[in-house]
């Protein structure tokens, strides 16, 4: 809520500054005499409308959202149209003669940006093919390619989440559950006793009935808003069932040196065993909201396993955005066996590190 309020304030700030710039240029162009052979004021207005206002929009609003300046590449053309509308008719030819060379430069910049995007896509595909040679799981291979490629950061996390969502929802139904690579790996499920499918079915029923009612109600005022809300409901339904499918296909994997957490589309982490201080089980854990600021846990279901860490590690949560955590809460089908094996391997890993 705070982030939304902050963005809204930035939008208001940009609109206020843009209104001042437009008002100043409109007053100047209308009240001062223009000389044909010295159209300085028109050029100044074109600079403000085509460059200054788009740049302010990126600097104040888009930059805070982590978006590229390429998002304002189309605005200079609208700025030139705005200047063309406010100048006297006898001076509009000046706007056209000055605007088209600027547009050529902008189009060239856009083509360069598209070429850069194609290069990024090529490198991602190449990285995926390299990762696929060692990683049998499709989504894990994409995860490696995205996290080690040129995208990086929050953008890579969101792209990875969307790819995972589409894959598990549409292309994973012939795929069996992930199997251990070697005899030292153990896998633990978390979708059976935790009623993953039941939760998904109940939520889907609620969303469908609520979505139909809200669509009919909002459509009385705005059809566009009603369809926006309906699309949001459909996206949420897709996310729920993609998460459900991912939970079936990707169990928790305990290896000799690390715990690999692939908890549906809710939690993703690779935790070295030497970073684990201990694991405990209970019928249910109810962590306080303050504790969850530095912890990761399931959105649905009651956790029955708590994993304490001795240092901060990175875990991917909602939309696979990274978060530094010192504790994990999980709902596991066999909490006793999982905690016992995890603690034993953690102790063995610590002894091996001391001996080496």
Protein backbone atom coordinates (compact mmCIF):
# COMPACT_ATOMS: atom_id res chain seq x y z
CA UNK A 1 0.00 0.00 0.00
CA UNK A 2 2.86 2.35 0.84
CA UNK A 3 4.56 1.63 -2.50
CA UNK A 4 1.34 2.38 -4.41
CA UNK A 5 0.90 5.66 -2.51
CA UNK A 6 4.51 6.61 -3.28
CA UNK A 7 4.06 5.99 -7.01
CA UNK A 8 0.83 7.99 -6.99
CA UNK A 9 2.60 10.96 -5.41
CA UNK A 10 5.33 10.78 -8.05
CA UNK A 11 2.68 10.81 -10.81
CA UNK A 12 1.06 13.88 -9.25
CA UNK A 13 4.47 15.57 -9.04
CA UNK A 14 5.16 14.86 -12.72
CA UNK A 15 1.72 16.11 -13.77
CA UNK A 16 2.24 19.33 -11.81
CA UNK A 17 5.65 19.99 -13.39
CA UNK A 18 4.39 19.09 -16.87
CA UNK A 19 1.41 21.44 -16.43
CA UNK A 20 3.75 24.28 -15.46
CA UNK A 21 5.93 23.67 -18.52
CA UNK A 22 2.92 23.53 -20.85
CA UNK A 23 1.38 26.66 -19.32
CA UNK A 24 4.64 28.61 -19.60
CA UNK A 25 5.13 27.65 -23.25
CA UNK A 26 1.49 28.30 -24.14
CA UNK A 27 1.64 31.77 -22.56
CA UNK A 28 4.93 32.61 -24.25
CA UNK A 29 3.87 31.47 -27.70
CA UNK A 30 0.51 33.23 -27.55
CA UNK A 31 1.52 36.52 -25.97
CA UNK A 32 4.92 37.29 -27.46
CA UNK A 33 5.39 38.26 -31.06
CA UNK A 34 7.13 35.65 -33.19
CA UNK A 35 9.61 36.51 -35.91
CA UNK A 36 9.77 34.19 -38.91
CA UNK A 37 13.50 34.30 -39.27
CA UNK A 38 14.13 33.88 -35.50
CA UNK A 39 11.80 31.10 -34.32
CA UNK A 40 13.69 30.63 -31.04
CA UNK A 41 10.55 30.33 -28.95
CA UNK A 42 9.16 27.54 -31.12
CA UNK A 43 12.41 25.61 -30.85
CA UNK A 44 12.39 26.14 -27.07
CA UNK A 45 8.81 24.82 -26.88
CA UNK A 46 9.74 21.80 -29.01
CA UNK A 47 12.66 21.07 -26.68
CA UNK A 48 10.31 21.14 -23.67
CA UNK A 49 7.52 19.09 -25.27
CA UNK A 50 9.65 16.53 -27.14
CA UNK A 51 12.55 16.05 -24.73
CA UNK A 52 12.11 17.70 -21.33
CA UNK A 53 8.60 16.38 -20.48
CA UNK A 54 9.28 12.77 -21.64
CA UNK A 55 12.58 12.79 -19.73
CA UNK A 56 10.83 14.06 -16.58
CA UNK A 57 8.24 11.29 -16.92
CA UNK A 58 10.97 8.67 -17.04
CA UNK A 59 13.11 10.27 -14.31
CA UNK A 60 10.27 10.86 -11.82
CA UNK A 61 7.90 7.94 -12.48
CA UNK A 62 9.33 5.12 -14.60
CA UNK A 63 12.84 5.14 -13.12
CA UNK A 64 11.44 4.57 -9.62
CA UNK A 65 9.64 1.51 -10.98
CA UNK A 66 12.88 0.11 -12.42
CA UNK A 67 11.78 0.67 -16.02
CA UNK A 68 14.01 1.64 -18.92
CA UNK A 69 14.07 5.06 -20.60
CA UNK A 70 12.96 3.19 -23.73
CA UNK A 71 9.44 3.45 -22.31
CA UNK A 72 9.25 7.12 -23.37
CA UNK A 73 10.63 6.70 -26.89
CA UNK A 74 7.22 7.28 -28.49
CA UNK A 75 6.41 10.42 -26.49
CA UNK A 76 8.49 12.95 -28.50
CA UNK A 77 6.16 12.44 -31.46
CA UNK A 78 3.19 13.34 -29.24
CA UNK A 79 5.16 16.33 -27.97
CA UNK A 80 5.73 17.58 -31.51
CA UNK A 81 2.01 17.22 -32.19
CA UNK A 82 1.30 19.27 -29.05
CA UNK A 83 3.57 22.10 -30.18
CA UNK A 84 1.99 22.00 -33.65
CA UNK A 85 -1.43 22.52 -32.05
CA UNK A 86 -0.52 25.47 -29.82
CA UNK A 87 1.58 27.57 -32.24
CA UNK A 88 -0.14 29.97 -34.64
CA UNK A 89 -1.06 28.37 -37.95
CA UNK A 90 1.40 30.47 -39.94
CA UNK A 91 4.33 29.02 -37.95
CA UNK A 92 3.37 25.33 -38.02
CA UNK A 93 5.72 24.59 -40.89
CA UNK A 94 8.62 25.42 -38.55
CA UNK A 95 7.45 22.64 -36.20
CA UNK A 96 7.38 20.06 -38.99
CA UNK A 97 10.74 21.08 -40.43
CA UNK A 98 12.39 20.79 -37.00
CA UNK A 99 10.50 17.71 -35.77
CA UNK A 100 11.19 15.16 -38.49
CA UNK A 101 15.01 15.10 -38.04
CA UNK A 102 14.45 14.54 -34.30
CA UNK A 103 12.06 11.69 -35.06
CA UNK A 104 14.62 10.08 -37.35
CA UNK A 105 17.11 10.09 -34.47
CA UNK A 106 14.49 8.63 -32.12
CA UNK A 107 13.52 5.91 -34.60
CA UNK A 108 17.21 5.04 -35.00
CA UNK A 109 17.50 4.82 -31.20
CA UNK A 110 14.44 2.56 -31.06
CA UNK A 111 15.90 0.28 -33.74
CA UNK A 112 19.13 0.10 -31.75
CA UNK A 113 17.15 -0.81 -28.64
CA UNK A 114 15.26 -3.53 -30.52
CA UNK A 115 18.59 -4.89 -31.77
CA UNK A 116 19.83 -4.95 -28.17
CA UNK A 117 16.68 -6.82 -27.06
CA UNK A 118 17.16 -9.40 -29.82
CA UNK A 119 20.75 -9.86 -28.67
CA UNK A 120 19.55 -10.42 -25.10
CA UNK A 121 16.99 -12.99 -26.29
CA UNK A 122 19.67 -14.77 -28.33
CA UNK A 123 22.00 -14.93 -25.32
CA UNK A 124 19.18 -16.24 -23.13
CA UNK A 125 18.36 -19.01 -25.60
CA UNK A 126 22.03 -19.91 -25.89
CA UNK A 127 22.36 -19.92 -22.08
CA UNK A 128 19.29 -22.16 -21.83
CA UNK A 129 20.75 -24.66 -24.28
CA UNK A 130 24.00 -24.77 -22.31
CA UNK A 131 22.15 -25.24 -19.01
CA UNK A 132 19.90 -27.93 -20.53
CA UNK A 133 22.92 -30.19 -21.09
CA UNK A 134 23.36 -30.60 -17.33
CA UNK A 135 19.89 -29.76 -16.00
CA UNK A 136 17.05 -32.11 -17.00
CA UNK A 137 14.28 -29.90 -15.66
CA UNK A 138 13.08 -27.30 -18.18
CA UNK A 139 12.25 -24.54 -15.70
CA UNK A 140 15.48 -25.06 -13.77
CA UNK A 141 17.42 -24.64 -17.01
CA UNK A 142 15.57 -21.37 -17.70
CA UNK A 143 16.25 -20.27 -14.12
CA UNK A 144 20.00 -20.76 -14.64
CA UNK A 145 19.94 -18.99 -18.01
CA UNK A 146 18.02 -16.00 -16.66
CA UNK A 147 19.97 -15.59 -13.41
CA UNK A 148 23.36 -15.87 -15.11
CA UNK A 149 22.46 -14.02 -18.33
CA UNK A 150 22.32 -10.36 -19.26
CA UNK A 151 18.85 -9.70 -17.82
CA UNK A 152 19.53 -10.08 -14.10
CA UNK A 153 17.83 -8.41 -11.14
CA UNK A 154 14.10 -8.09 -10.58
CA UNK A 155 13.33 -8.32 -14.29
CA UNK A 156 14.91 -11.79 -14.47
CA UNK A 157 12.90 -12.85 -11.41
CA UNK A 158 9.57 -11.73 -12.90
CA UNK A 159 10.35 -13.27 -16.32
CA UNK A 160 11.30 -16.54 -14.59
CA UNK A 161 8.02 -16.48 -12.63
CA UNK A 162 5.92 -15.86 -15.75
CA UNK A 163 7.73 -18.56 -17.71
CA UNK A 164 7.20 -21.01 -14.85
CA UNK A 165 3.54 -20.11 -14.63
CA UNK A 166 2.91 -20.67 -18.35
CA UNK A 167 4.97 -23.87 -18.40
CA UNK A 168 3.28 -25.55 -15.42
CA UNK A 169 -0.17 -24.47 -16.51
CA UNK A 170 0.06 -25.52 -20.17
CA UNK A 171 3.08 -27.72 -20.93
CA UNK A 172 3.79 -29.87 -17.87
CA UNK A 173 0.93 -32.34 -17.88
CA UNK A 174 2.90 -35.14 -19.54
CA UNK A 175 5.86 -34.62 -17.23
CA UNK A 176 6.38 -36.90 -14.24
CA UNK A 177 7.57 -35.88 -10.81
CA UNK A 178 11.22 -34.96 -10.57
CA UNK A 179 13.38 -37.93 -9.58
CA UNK A 180 16.60 -38.02 -7.61
CA UNK A 181 19.72 -37.66 -9.72
CA UNK A 182 21.74 -40.04 -7.53
CA UNK A 183 21.36 -42.23 -4.48
CA UNK A 184 22.40 -39.52 -2.04
CA UNK A 185 19.46 -37.27 -2.87
CA UNK A 186 16.19 -37.46 -0.97
CA UNK A 187 12.94 -35.79 -1.99
CA UNK A 188 10.01 -34.80 0.23
CA UNK A 189 6.56 -33.87 -1.00
CA UNK A 190 4.40 -31.07 0.40
CA UNK A 191 1.16 -31.22 -1.61
CA UNK A 192 -0.62 -34.32 -0.27
CA UNK A 193 -1.41 -33.98 3.45
CA UNK A 194 -1.41 -30.18 3.13
CA UNK A 195 -4.54 -30.37 0.89
CA UNK A 196 -2.98 -28.36 -1.93
CA UNK A 197 -5.58 -29.40 -4.51
CA UNK A 198 -8.45 -28.82 -2.07
CA UNK A 199 -7.26 -25.29 -1.31
CA UNK A 200 -6.91 -24.60 -5.04
CA UNK A 201 -10.43 -25.88 -5.76
CA UNK A 202 -12.01 -23.82 -2.96
CA UNK A 203 -10.19 -20.65 -3.98
CA UNK A 204 -11.12 -21.18 -7.63
CA UNK A 205 -14.79 -21.54 -6.73
CA UNK A 206 -14.71 -18.33 -4.68
CA UNK A 207 -12.87 -16.39 -7.40
CA UNK A 208 -15.26 -17.56 -10.14
CA UNK A 209 -18.45 -16.64 -8.26
CA UNK A 210 -16.99 -13.38 -6.94
CA UNK A 211 -15.61 -12.55 -10.40
CA UNK A 212 -18.98 -12.98 -12.14
CA UNK A 213 -20.76 -10.86 -9.52
CA UNK A 214 -18.14 -8.08 -9.57
CA UNK A 215 -18.05 -8.06 -13.39
CA UNK A 216 -21.83 -7.57 -13.64
CA UNK A 217 -21.79 -4.93 -10.91
CA UNK A 218 -18.85 -2.88 -12.26
CA UNK A 219 -20.14 -3.17 -15.84
CA UNK A 220 -23.04 -0.91 -14.79
CA UNK A 221 -20.49 1.93 -14.61
CA UNK A 222 -17.63 0.88 -16.88
CA UNK A 223 -17.29 -2.10 -19.22
CA UNK A 224 -13.54 -1.53 -19.52
CA UNK A 225 -13.02 -1.62 -15.74
CA UNK A 226 -15.19 -4.74 -15.48
CA UNK A 227 -13.06 -6.58 -18.03
CA UNK A 228 -9.84 -5.44 -16.35
CA UNK A 229 -11.05 -6.99 -13.08
CA UNK A 230 -12.13 -10.17 -14.88
CA UNK A 231 -8.73 -10.54 -16.55
CA UNK A 232 -7.11 -10.09 -13.13
CA UNK A 233 -9.31 -12.91 -11.77
CA UNK A 234 -8.35 -15.16 -14.68
CA UNK A 235 -4.67 -14.44 -14.03
CA UNK A 236 -5.13 -15.34 -10.36
CA UNK A 237 -6.85 -18.62 -11.31
CA UNK A 238 -3.99 -19.46 -13.67
CA UNK A 239 -1.46 -18.70 -10.92
CA UNK A 240 -3.25 -20.93 -8.38
CA UNK A 241 -3.35 -23.97 -10.67
CA UNK A 242 0.16 -23.43 -12.02
CA UNK A 243 1.38 -23.33 -8.42
CA UNK A 244 -0.58 -26.49 -7.68
CA UNK A 245 1.01 -28.30 -10.64
CA UNK A 246 4.50 -27.07 -9.71
CA UNK A 247 3.97 -28.37 -6.17
CA UNK A 248 3.33 -31.86 -7.53
CA UNK A 249 6.28 -31.91 -9.92
CA UNK A 250 8.95 -30.23 -7.78
CA UNK A 251 9.38 -31.69 -4.29
CA UNK A 252 11.89 -30.48 -1.72
CA UNK A 253 15.26 -32.02 -2.54
CA UNK A 254 17.85 -32.72 0.16
CA UNK A 255 21.36 -33.16 -1.22
CA UNK A 256 24.70 -33.85 0.41
CA UNK A 257 25.64 -30.19 0.68
CA UNK A 258 22.40 -28.21 0.30
CA UNK A 259 18.65 -28.11 0.58
CA UNK A 260 16.90 -27.19 -2.65
CA UNK A 261 13.57 -25.54 -1.96
CA UNK A 262 11.16 -25.38 -4.87
CA UNK A 263 7.92 -24.77 -3.06
CA UNK A 264 5.47 -24.34 -5.92
CA UNK A 265 5.56 -20.79 -7.26
CA UNK A 266 5.75 -19.38 -3.74
CA UNK A 267 9.26 -20.04 -2.43
CA UNK A 268 12.49 -20.80 -4.31
CA UNK A 269 15.85 -21.13 -2.56
CA UNK A 270 19.11 -23.10 -2.52
CA UNK A 271 20.35 -23.28 1.06
CA UNK A 272 23.80 -24.70 1.90
CA UNK A 273 23.60 -27.11 4.83
CA UNK A 274 26.30 -25.20 6.71
CA UNK A 275 23.97 -22.15 6.68
CA UNK A 276 21.27 -24.06 8.60
CA UNK A 277 21.33 -23.68 12.39
CA UNK A 278 18.62 -26.26 12.97
CA UNK A 279 15.20 -27.56 11.97
CA UNK A 280 12.20 -28.31 14.17
CA UNK A 281 8.75 -29.76 13.59
CA UNK A 282 5.40 -29.10 15.24
CA UNK A 283 1.74 -29.72 14.60
CA UNK A 284 1.60 -26.13 13.41
CA UNK A 285 3.64 -22.94 13.61
CA UNK A 286 2.03 -19.51 13.83
CA UNK A 287 4.81 -16.96 13.31
CA UNK A 288 4.19 -13.33 14.19
CA UNK A 289 3.94 -10.76 11.36
CA UNK A 290 7.08 -9.07 12.66
CA UNK A 291 9.03 -12.33 12.34
CA UNK A 292 7.80 -12.90 8.79
CA UNK A 293 9.58 -9.73 7.67
CA UNK A 294 12.79 -11.77 7.77
CA UNK A 295 11.28 -15.17 6.95
CA UNK A 296 9.71 -17.00 4.03
CA UNK A 297 6.63 -19.15 4.36
CA UNK A 298 3.74 -20.68 2.43
CA UNK A 299 0.87 -18.40 1.51
CA UNK A 300 -1.62 -21.26 1.83
CA UNK A 301 -1.59 -23.96 4.48
CA UNK A 302 -0.24 -24.04 8.02
CA UNK A 303 3.52 -24.63 8.30
CA UNK A 304 4.69 -27.62 10.34
CA UNK A 305 8.46 -27.23 9.81
CA UNK A 306 10.69 -24.36 10.90
CA UNK A 307 14.23 -24.03 9.51
CA UNK A 308 16.49 -21.62 11.38
CA UNK A 309 19.48 -20.18 9.53
CA UNK A 310 22.74 -18.94 11.03
CA UNK A 311 23.10 -16.24 8.39
CA UNK A 312 20.96 -14.46 5.84
CA UNK A 313 20.30 -16.28 2.58
CA UNK A 314 18.38 -15.21 -0.50
CA UNK A 315 14.96 -16.75 -1.06
CA UNK A 316 12.63 -15.92 -3.94
CA UNK A 317 9.09 -15.21 -2.80
CA UNK A 318 6.12 -13.57 -4.50
CA UNK A 319 6.78 -13.19 -8.26
CA UNK A 320 10.19 -14.79 -7.45
CA UNK A 321 11.44 -11.43 -6.18
CA UNK A 322 14.51 -11.98 -3.97
CA UNK A 323 14.32 -11.50 -0.22
CA UNK A 324 16.94 -11.89 2.50
CA UNK A 325 15.68 -14.34 5.14
CA UNK A 326 16.94 -15.93 8.34
CA UNK A 327 14.14 -18.46 8.71
CA UNK A 328 11.91 -20.65 6.53
CA UNK A 329 8.48 -22.06 7.36
CA UNK A 330 7.26 -24.99 5.28
CA UNK A 331 4.25 -27.32 5.28
CA UNK A 332 5.69 -30.79 4.53
CA UNK A 333 3.80 -34.07 4.11
CA UNK A 334 6.26 -35.97 6.34
CA UNK A 335 7.66 -33.34 8.72
CA UNK A 336 9.28 -35.81 11.13
CA UNK A 337 11.28 -37.66 8.48
CA UNK A 338 12.23 -34.42 6.77
CA UNK A 339 13.49 -32.71 9.94
CA UNK A 340 15.39 -35.82 11.09
CA UNK A 341 17.19 -36.26 7.78
CA UNK A 342 17.91 -32.53 7.41
CA UNK A 343 19.45 -32.26 10.89
CA UNK A 344 21.54 -35.41 10.39
CA UNK A 345 22.94 -34.17 7.09
CA UNK A 346 23.52 -30.72 8.56
CA UNK A 347 25.64 -32.24 11.37
CA UNK A 348 27.54 -34.47 8.95
CA UNK A 349 28.20 -31.50 6.70
CA UNK A 350 29.56 -29.54 9.66
CA UNK A 351 31.89 -32.37 10.66
CA UNK A 352 33.16 -32.76 7.10
CA UNK A 353 33.90 -29.02 6.96
CA UNK A 354 35.89 -29.22 10.23
CA UNK A 355 37.87 -32.24 9.06
CA UNK A 356 38.78 -30.57 5.78
